């Protein structure tokens, strides 16, 4: 199930904690958890944008391959949006 903006606060805090854990330690278990939560969302958004299954799978692979490299530069800013759709 994809989280929504109406998700309870503890759920949102847990997800922010996951991002913080990934940033500070590069935790491979945390990365697996993050992948399990968000890969379907990335795939679904790609399909909604009109991509084929293969294209959407490639987008998801590309996105999740970049996450470990991008975490050091990531800055959380609630005013810029949310991971929750």
Foldseek 3Di string as FASTA:
>chain_A
DAAAPPDDPVVQVVVVVLLVCCLPPVDPVSLVVVCVHCLVVQLVVCVVVPDDNVVSNVRSVVVSVCVSVCSPVDDDDVVVDDPGD
